[in-house]
Amino acid sequence: MSRIQTSLLQAALVAAFASIAFTPTLAAAQSTSPDYWASPNSTVLRSGTGLCWHTTSWSQASATADCDGVIAPKAEAPAPAVIAPPPVLMAAAAPVTTRTETRKLTFSAEELFDFDKAALRPAGKQALDQVTADLAGVDYSNIQVVGHTDRMGTPKYNQKLSERRAETVMQYLQSRGVPAGKISAAGLGETQPVSKGCSGAMSSKLVACLQPDRRVEVTVSGSREVTVRN
């Protein structure tokens, strides 16, 4: 065989193998999917290496086990971890309790009255107006007004003077809204002195020393709601 004939034979064999490798062949599988090339009788066309021919619409989602084997699905990114917010601690409401309170207010007789009188002075009325203002918000059950005198004068006279002054204070507080059923008045005369070291004959010095004895006491008993905090 000449060299030319040998070259022609080799070229023919290469062309034959190339046609086998790249020419679609018929496969037994039937398909109507637009993702694979198929013959007129719907048989999927395969290459010489056994792979199915894909159309341009083919995607991994349309792969079949017969043509493409088992294709591992694309791993999806894990969902972001959800971190729960820290619990909100609600402060416990401070407990409210009711306390019973007793408050004693002491007024100088000179502040409330003129000497040896039982009529209220303007300054005395202002002092008692403050008492009624302070009673706002207090659930009081009783107000007791007690008049006192010093030891100068007779015990009988002093007793009457203390009673008149206590009555005057009680009536004024009633005129400012204190219910009559929650207030009472009494006079104790000179029986409960609070002054100390007062001695000697009648004089201006003795009068000044006995001043604390000449007084009117207003005692308020009641309850108030208070917030107890730790």
C-alpha atoms as a PDB file:
ATOM      1  CA  MET A   1       0.000   0.000   0.000  1.00  0.00           C
ATOM      2  CA  SER A   2       1.403   3.385  -0.965  1.00  0.00           C
ATOM      3  CA  ARG A   3       1.999   6.177   1.493  1.00  0.00           C
ATOM      4  CA  ILE A   4      -0.890   8.151  -0.001  1.00  0.00           C
ATOM      5  CA  GLN A   5      -3.312   5.273   0.421  1.00  0.00           C
ATOM      6  CA  THR A   6      -2.195   4.812   4.029  1.00  0.00           C
ATOM      7  CA  SER A   7      -2.876   8.484   4.818  1.00  0.00           C
ATOM      8  CA  LEU A   8      -6.308   8.355   3.216  1.00  0.00           C
ATOM      9  CA  LEU A   9      -7.173   5.243   5.247  1.00  0.00           C
ATOM     10  CA  GLN A  10      -6.150   6.906   8.527  1.00  0.00           C
ATOM     11  CA  ALA A  11      -8.215  10.019   7.748  1.00  0.00           C
ATOM     12  CA  ALA A  12     -11.254   7.871   7.002  1.00  0.00           C
ATOM     13  CA  LEU A  13     -10.922   6.061  10.338  1.00  0.00           C
ATOM     14  CA  VAL A  14     -10.633   9.355  12.294  1.00  0.00           C
ATOM     15  CA  ALA A  15     -13.761  10.678  10.599  1.00  0.00           C
ATOM     16  CA  ALA A  16     -15.632   7.498  11.396  1.00  0.00           C
ATOM     17  CA  PHE A  17     -14.758   7.645  15.080  1.00  0.00           C
ATOM     18  CA  ALA A  18     -15.655  11.318  15.250  1.00  0.00           C
ATOM     19  CA  SER A  19     -19.050  10.646  13.770  1.00  0.00           C
ATOM     20  CA  ILE A  20     -19.621   7.936  16.342  1.00  0.00           C
ATOM     21  CA  ALA A  21     -18.642  10.230  19.222  1.00  0.00           C
ATOM     22  CA  PHE A  22     -20.672  13.285  18.201  1.00  0.00           C
ATOM     23  CA  THR A  23     -23.563  12.007  16.109  1.00  0.00           C
ATOM     24  CA  PRO A  24     -26.802  11.684  18.172  1.00  0.00           C
ATOM     25  CA  THR A  25     -28.015   8.133  18.591  1.00  0.00           C
ATOM     26  CA  LEU A  26     -31.416   6.818  19.471  1.00  0.00           C
ATOM     27  CA  ALA A  27     -32.042   5.669  23.009  1.00  0.00           C
ATOM     28  CA  ALA A  28     -34.763   3.560  24.395  1.00  0.00           C
ATOM     29  CA  ALA A  29     -35.989   6.291  26.684  1.00  0.00           C
ATOM     30  CA  GLN A  30     -39.085   8.126  25.596  1.00  0.00           C
ATOM     31  CA  SER A  31     -39.552  11.803  26.395  1.00  0.00           C
ATOM     32  CA  THR A  32     -41.853  14.678  25.607  1.00  0.00           C
ATOM     33  CA  SER A  33     -39.824  17.116  27.711  1.00  0.00           C
ATOM     34  CA  PRO A  34     -38.754  20.296  25.912  1.00  0.00           C
ATOM     35  CA  ASP A  35     -35.489  20.104  27.884  1.00  0.00           C
ATOM     36  CA  TYR A  36     -34.077  17.206  25.786  1.00  0.00           C
ATOM     37  CA  TRP A  37     -33.655  16.710  22.051  1.00  0.00           C
ATOM     38  CA  ALA A  38     -35.850  13.843  20.845  1.00  0.00           C
ATOM     39  CA  SER A  39     -36.601  12.035  17.621  1.00  0.00           C
ATOM     40  CA  PRO A  40     -39.990  12.396  15.913  1.00  0.00           C
ATOM     41  CA  ASN A  41     -41.196   9.383  17.910  1.00  0.00           C
ATOM     42  CA  SER A  42     -40.200  11.143  21.187  1.00  0.00           C
ATOM     43  CA  THR A  43     -37.077   9.045  21.754  1.00  0.00           C
ATOM     44  CA  VAL A  44     -34.396  11.046  23.565  1.00  0.00           C
ATOM     45  CA  LEU A  45     -31.296  11.557  21.469  1.00  0.00           C
ATOM     46  CA  ARG A  46     -27.984  10.678  23.040  1.00  0.00           C
ATOM     47  CA  SER A  47     -24.406  11.403  22.109  1.00  0.00           C
ATOM     48  CA  GLY A  48     -21.911   8.699  21.314  1.00  0.00           C
ATOM     49  CA  THR A  49     -20.855   8.792  24.996  1.00  0.00           C
ATOM     50  CA  GLY A  50     -24.392   8.055  26.161  1.00  0.00           C
ATOM     51  CA  LEU A  51     -25.299  11.559  27.354  1.00  0.00           C
ATOM     52  CA  CYS A  52     -28.706  13.002  26.548  1.00  0.00           C
ATOM     53  CA  TRP A  53     -28.680  16.072  24.392  1.00  0.00           C
ATOM     54  CA  HIS A  54     -30.014  19.150  26.269  1.00  0.00           C
ATOM     55  CA  THR A  55     -32.028  21.920  24.736  1.00  0.00           C
ATOM     56  CA  THR A  56     -31.436  25.539  25.727  1.00  0.00           C
ATOM     57  CA  SER A  57     -34.346  25.332  28.184  1.00  0.00           C
ATOM     58  CA  TRP A  58     -32.653  22.585  30.233  1.00  0.00           C
ATOM     59  CA  SER A  59     -31.756  23.396  33.828  1.00  0.00           C
ATOM     60  CA  GLN A  60     -30.602  21.407  36.791  1.00  0.00           C
ATOM     61  CA  ALA A  61     -34.130  21.417  38.131  1.00  0.00           C
ATOM     62  CA  SER A  62     -35.346  19.494  35.034  1.00  0.00           C
ATOM     63  CA  ALA A  63     -32.570  16.835  35.140  1.00  0.00           C
ATOM     64  CA  THR A  64     -33.678  13.185  35.058  1.00  0.00           C
ATOM     65  CA  ALA A  65     -31.911  10.209  36.600  1.00  0.00           C
ATOM     66  CA  ASP A  66     -32.017   8.308  33.273  1.00  0.00           C
ATOM     67  CA  CYS A  67     -30.216  11.044  31.370  1.00  0.00           C
ATOM     68  CA  ASP A  68     -28.177  12.857  33.952  1.00  0.00           C
ATOM     69  CA  GLY A  69     -27.865  10.471  36.880  1.00  0.00           C
ATOM     70  CA  VAL A  70     -28.421  11.723  40.410  1.00  0.00           C
ATOM     71  CA  ILE A  71     -27.490  15.388  40.667  1.00  0.00           C
ATOM     72  CA  ALA A  72     -26.938  16.538  44.238  1.00  0.00           C
ATOM     73  CA  PRO A  73     -29.208  19.471  45.053  1.00  0.00           C
ATOM     74  CA  LYS A  74     -27.520  22.748  45.683  1.00  0.00           C
ATOM     75  CA  ALA A  75     -27.059  23.247  49.379  1.00  0.00           C
ATOM     76  CA  GLU A  76     -29.159  26.048  50.685  1.00  0.00           C
ATOM     77  CA  ALA A  77     -27.633  28.609  52.996  1.00  0.00           C
ATOM     78  CA  PRO A  78     -28.740  28.010  56.578  1.00  0.00           C
ATOM     79  CA  ALA A  79     -31.365  30.364  57.879  1.00  0.00           C
ATOM     80  CA  PRO A  80     -29.928  33.042  60.133  1.00  0.00           C
ATOM     81  CA  ALA A  81     -30.202  32.208  63.802  1.00  0.00           C
ATOM     82  CA  VAL A  82     -32.942  34.108  65.554  1.00  0.00           C
ATOM     83  CA  ILE A  83     -31.733  35.502  68.856  1.00  0.00           C
ATOM     84  CA  ALA A  84     -34.562  36.103  71.244  1.00  0.00           C
ATOM     85  CA  PRO A  85     -34.401  39.467  73.016  1.00  0.00           C
ATOM     86  CA  PRO A  86     -33.725  39.327  76.734  1.00  0.00           C
ATOM     87  CA  PRO A  87     -36.876  39.233  78.838  1.00  0.00           C
ATOM     88  CA  VAL A  88     -38.116  42.576  80.071  1.00  0.00           C
ATOM     89  CA  LEU A  89     -38.318  42.569  83.828  1.00  0.00           C
ATOM     90  CA  MET A  90     -41.297  44.535  85.023  1.00  0.00           C
ATOM     91  CA  ALA A  91     -40.828  46.277  88.330  1.00  0.00           C
ATOM     92  CA  ALA A  92     -43.300  45.070  90.894  1.00  0.00           C
ATOM     93  CA  ALA A  93     -45.768  47.725  91.934  1.00  0.00           C
ATOM     94  CA  ALA A  94     -45.011  49.128  95.332  1.00  0.00           C
ATOM     95  CA  PRO A  95     -47.650  47.952  97.817  1.00  0.00           C
ATOM     96  CA  VAL A  96     -50.075  50.501  99.167  1.00  0.00           C
ATOM     97  CA  THR A  97     -51.121  50.269 102.761  1.00  0.00           C
ATOM     98  CA  THR A  98     -53.349  52.266 105.073  1.00  0.00           C
ATOM     99  CA  ARG A  99     -51.833  53.714 108.209  1.00  0.00           C
ATOM    100  CA  THR A 100     -53.664  55.086 111.206  1.00  0.00           C
ATOM    101  CA  GLU A 101     -52.128  58.359 112.272  1.00  0.00           C
ATOM    102  CA  THR A 102     -52.677  60.693 115.188  1.00  0.00           C
ATOM    103  CA  ARG A 103     -51.463  64.255 114.872  1.00  0.00           C
ATOM    104  CA  LYS A 104     -51.569  66.821 117.645  1.00  0.00           C
ATOM    105  CA  LEU A 105     -51.391  70.513 116.812  1.00  0.00           C
ATOM    106  CA  THR A 106     -50.785  72.953 119.654  1.00  0.00           C
ATOM    107  CA  PHE A 107     -51.700  76.617 119.270  1.00  0.00           C
ATOM    108  CA  SER A 108     -50.671  79.334 121.685  1.00  0.00           C
ATOM    109  CA  ALA A 109     -53.604  81.150 123.247  1.00  0.00           C
ATOM    110  CA  GLU A 110     -51.899  84.438 122.393  1.00  0.00           C
ATOM    111  CA  GLU A 111     -51.846  83.361 118.728  1.00  0.00           C
ATOM    112  CA  LEU A 112     -55.564  82.611 118.674  1.00  0.00           C
ATOM    113  CA  PHE A 113     -57.108  85.021 121.173  1.00  0.00           C
ATOM    114  CA  ASP A 114     -56.649  88.380 122.825  1.00  0.00           C
ATOM    115  CA  PHE A 115     -55.922  88.414 126.548  1.00  0.00           C
ATOM    116  CA  ASP A 116     -58.730  86.920 128.607  1.00  0.00           C
ATOM    117  CA  LYS A 117     -60.931  86.627 125.508  1.00  0.00           C
ATOM    118  CA  ALA A 118     -62.511  83.719 123.600  1.00  0.00           C
ATOM    119  CA  ALA A 119     -63.018  85.427 120.215  1.00  0.00           C
ATOM    120  CA  LEU A 120     -60.586  84.411 117.464  1.00  0.00           C
ATOM    121  CA  ARG A 121     -58.057  86.969 116.266  1.00  0.00           C
ATOM    122  CA  PRO A 122     -57.402  87.263 112.461  1.00  0.00           C
ATOM    123  CA  ALA A 123     -54.042  85.537 112.934  1.00  0.00           C
ATOM    124  CA  GLY A 124     -55.821  82.733 114.759  1.00  0.00           C
ATOM    125  CA  LYS A 125     -58.227  82.233 111.864  1.00  0.00           C
ATOM    126  CA  GLN A 126     -55.335  81.987 109.417  1.00  0.00           C
ATOM    127  CA  ALA A 127     -53.710  79.334 111.600  1.00  0.00           C
ATOM    128  CA  LEU A 128     -56.913  77.287 111.667  1.00  0.00           C
ATOM    129  CA  ASP A 129     -57.386  77.690 107.893  1.00  0.00           C
ATOM    130  CA  GLN A 130     -54.051  75.936 107.473  1.00  0.00           C
ATOM    131  CA  VAL A 131     -55.380  73.082 109.597  1.00  0.00           C
ATOM    132  CA  THR A 132     -58.322  72.506 107.265  1.00  0.00           C
ATOM    133  CA  ALA A 133     -55.992  72.666 104.241  1.00  0.00           C
ATOM    134  CA  ASP A 134     -53.763  70.009 105.782  1.00  0.00           C
ATOM    135  CA  LEU A 135     -56.782  67.759 106.298  1.00  0.00           C
ATOM    136  CA  ALA A 136     -57.241  67.364 102.529  1.00  0.00           C
ATOM    137  CA  GLY A 137     -56.557  63.745 101.581  1.00  0.00           C
ATOM    138  CA  VAL A 138     -56.781  62.527 105.180  1.00  0.00           C
ATOM    139  CA  ASP A 139     -59.586  60.119 106.040  1.00  0.00           C
ATOM    140  CA  TYR A 140     -59.891  61.401 109.591  1.00  0.00           C
ATOM    141  CA  SER A 141     -62.296  59.794 112.016  1.00  0.00           C
ATOM    142  CA  ASN A 142     -62.149  62.262 114.888  1.00  0.00           C
ATOM    143  CA  ILE A 143     -60.861  65.725 115.749  1.00  0.00           C
ATOM    144  CA  GLN A 144     -60.614  66.675 119.386  1.00  0.00           C
ATOM    145  CA  VAL A 145     -60.168  70.289 120.506  1.00  0.00           C
ATOM    146  CA  VAL A 146     -58.980  70.872 124.099  1.00  0.00           C
ATOM    147  CA  GLY A 147     -58.515  74.286 125.757  1.00  0.00           C
ATOM    148  CA  HIS A 148     -56.010  74.953 128.571  1.00  0.00           C
ATOM    149  CA  THR A 149     -55.183  77.938 130.806  1.00  0.00           C
ATOM    150  CA  ASP A 150     -52.419  78.890 133.225  1.00  0.00           C
ATOM    151  CA  ARG A 151     -52.889  78.905 137.002  1.00  0.00           C
ATOM    152  CA  MET A 152     -53.529  82.612 137.347  1.00  0.00           C
ATOM    153  CA  GLY A 153     -57.129  83.297 138.335  1.00  0.00           C
ATOM    154  CA  THR A 154     -59.549  80.959 140.065  1.00  0.00           C
ATOM    155  CA  PRO A 155     -59.846  77.339 138.923  1.00  0.00           C
ATOM    156  CA  LYS A 156     -63.549  77.841 138.155  1.00  0.00           C
ATOM    157  CA  TYR A 157     -62.877  80.872 135.977  1.00  0.00           C
ATOM    158  CA  ASN A 158     -60.045  79.154 134.167  1.00  0.00           C
ATOM    159  CA  GLN A 159     -62.195  76.113 133.506  1.00  0.00           C
ATOM    160  CA  LYS A 160     -64.906  78.204 131.880  1.00  0.00           C
ATOM    161  CA  LEU A 161     -62.377  80.166 129.817  1.00  0.00           C
ATOM    162  CA  SER A 162     -60.761  76.975 128.498  1.00  0.00           C
ATOM    163  CA  GLU A 163     -64.164  75.564 127.533  1.00  0.00           C
ATOM    164  CA  ARG A 164     -65.204  78.736 125.683  1.00  0.00           C
ATOM    165  CA  ARG A 165     -61.983  78.863 123.720  1.00  0.00           C
ATOM    166  CA  ALA A 166     -62.229  75.172 122.714  1.00  0.00           C
ATOM    167  CA  GLU A 167     -65.836  75.708 121.576  1.00  0.00           C
ATOM    168  CA  THR A 168     -64.776  78.716 119.478  1.00  0.00           C
ATOM    169  CA  VAL A 169     -62.081  76.723 117.686  1.00  0.00           C
ATOM    170  CA  MET A 170     -64.450  73.791 117.057  1.00  0.00           C
ATOM    171  CA  GLN A 171     -67.138  76.048 115.572  1.00  0.00           C
ATOM    172  CA  TYR A 172     -64.641  77.735 113.275  1.00  0.00           C
ATOM    173  CA  LEU A 173     -63.346  74.400 111.938  1.00  0.00           C
ATOM    174  CA  GLN A 174     -66.942  73.319 111.320  1.00  0.00           C
ATOM    175  CA  SER A 175     -67.514  76.493 109.308  1.00  0.00           C
ATOM    176  CA  ARG A 176     -64.573  75.441 107.140  1.00  0.00           C
ATOM    177  CA  GLY A 177     -66.058  72.044 106.291  1.00  0.00           C
ATOM    178  CA  VAL A 178     -65.251  69.719 109.183  1.00  0.00           C
ATOM    179  CA  PRO A 179     -68.344  67.555 109.826  1.00  0.00           C
ATOM    180  CA  ALA A 180     -69.959  68.173 113.219  1.00  0.00           C
ATOM    181  CA  GLY A 181     -70.058  64.425 113.884  1.00  0.00           C
ATOM    182  CA  LYS A 182     -66.267  64.180 113.643  1.00  0.00           C
ATOM    183  CA  ILE A 183     -65.231  66.952 116.010  1.00  0.00           C
ATOM    184  CA  SER A 184     -65.600  67.539 119.727  1.00  0.00           C
ATOM    185  CA  ALA A 185     -64.446  70.174 122.228  1.00  0.00           C
ATOM    186  CA  ALA A 186     -63.503  70.170 125.896  1.00  0.00           C
ATOM    187  CA  GLY A 187     -61.829  72.464 128.416  1.00  0.00           C
ATOM    188  CA  LEU A 188     -59.372  71.343 131.115  1.00  0.00           C
ATOM    189  CA  GLY A 189     -58.685  74.726 132.714  1.00  0.00           C
ATOM    190  CA  GLU A 190     -55.383  74.826 134.586  1.00  0.00           C
ATOM    191  CA  THR A 191     -55.198  71.094 135.343  1.00  0.00           C
ATOM    192  CA  GLN A 192     -52.511  70.135 132.783  1.00  0.00           C
ATOM    193  CA  PRO A 193     -49.720  72.727 132.875  1.00  0.00           C
ATOM    194  CA  VAL A 194     -46.628  72.214 130.723  1.00  0.00           C
ATOM    195  CA  SER A 195     -44.524  75.124 131.986  1.00  0.00           C
ATOM    196  CA  LYS A 196     -41.601  74.442 134.312  1.00  0.00           C
ATOM    197  CA  GLY A 197     -39.742  76.510 136.916  1.00  0.00           C
ATOM    198  CA  CYS A 198     -42.347  79.266 137.086  1.00  0.00           C
ATOM    199  CA  SER A 199     -42.584  80.676 140.626  1.00  0.00           C
ATOM    200  CA  GLY A 200     -42.833  83.939 142.486  1.00  0.00           C
ATOM    201  CA  ALA A 201     -45.415  86.632 142.899  1.00  0.00           C
ATOM    202  CA  MET A 202     -47.610  87.939 140.140  1.00  0.00           C
ATOM    203  CA  SER A 203     -45.408  89.733 137.630  1.00  0.00           C
ATOM    204  CA  SER A 204     -44.811  90.110 133.913  1.00  0.00           C
ATOM    205  CA  LYS A 205     -41.964  87.630 134.251  1.00  0.00           C
ATOM    206  CA  LEU A 206     -44.321  85.039 135.735  1.00  0.00           C
ATOM    207  CA  VAL A 207     -46.915  85.698 133.025  1.00  0.00           C
ATOM    208  CA  ALA A 208     -44.291  85.078 130.352  1.00  0.00           C
ATOM    209  CA  CYS A 209     -43.082  81.928 132.075  1.00  0.00           C
ATOM    210  CA  LEU A 210     -46.627  80.506 132.201  1.00  0.00           C
ATOM    211  CA  GLN A 211     -47.279  81.239 128.522  1.00  0.00           C
ATOM    212  CA  PRO A 212     -46.984  77.562 127.374  1.00  0.00           C
ATOM    213  CA  ASP A 213     -49.891  76.666 129.680  1.00  0.00           C
ATOM    214  CA  ARG A 214     -52.251  78.990 127.824  1.00  0.00           C
ATOM    215  CA  ARG A 215     -52.934  76.915 124.734  1.00  0.00           C
ATOM    216  CA  VAL A 216     -55.437  75.050 122.561  1.00  0.00           C
ATOM    217  CA  GLU A 217     -54.609  71.542 121.325  1.00  0.00           C
ATOM    218  CA  VAL A 218     -56.182  70.088 118.166  1.00  0.00           C
ATOM    219  CA  THR A 219     -55.710  66.308 117.845  1.00  0.00           C
ATOM    220  CA  VAL A 220     -56.583  64.655 114.531  1.00  0.00           C
ATOM    221  CA  SER A 221     -57.006  60.875 114.361  1.00  0.00           C
ATOM    222  CA  GLY A 222     -57.386  59.272 110.949  1.00  0.00           C
ATOM    223  CA  SER A 223     -55.877  57.091 108.256  1.00  0.00           C
ATOM    224  CA  ARG A 224     -53.868  57.832 105.140  1.00  0.00           C
ATOM    225  CA  GLU A 225     -52.931  55.604 102.191  1.00  0.00           C
ATOM    226  CA  VAL A 226     -49.168  55.462 101.863  1.00  0.00           C
ATOM    227  CA  THR A 227     -46.871  53.668  99.407  1.00  0.00           C
ATOM    228  CA  VAL A 228     -44.431  51.335 101.121  1.00  0.00           C
ATOM    229  CA  ARG A 229     -41.078  51.144  99.321  1.00  0.00           C
ATOM    230  CA  ASN A 230     -38.310  48.748 100.202  1.00  0.00           C
END
